[in-house]
């Protein structure tokens, strides 16, 4: 996913290049790594466990995979039981 040359008349600065095989199988394999845009959607993760609350340091310790970047904002909601 590196960039092509920007000089010497190159017109394919941001193109991906060849992505598939030739006549056999004649298609792009499922799961092929391709460039894209990721991370601008809201994600909800269920069943995370609150391990500890430290009010002195304003910390909430959570067990599980918390989405988002380091230093990002996380909204914690109570799940509806039903």
Foldseek 3Di string as FASTA:
>chain_A
DQADDPDDPDPPGPDDPDAPDPVVVNDHDPPGDDDDDDDPDDDDDPDKDFDDADVVVRDTDIPDDDDDDVPDDDDDDDDDDD
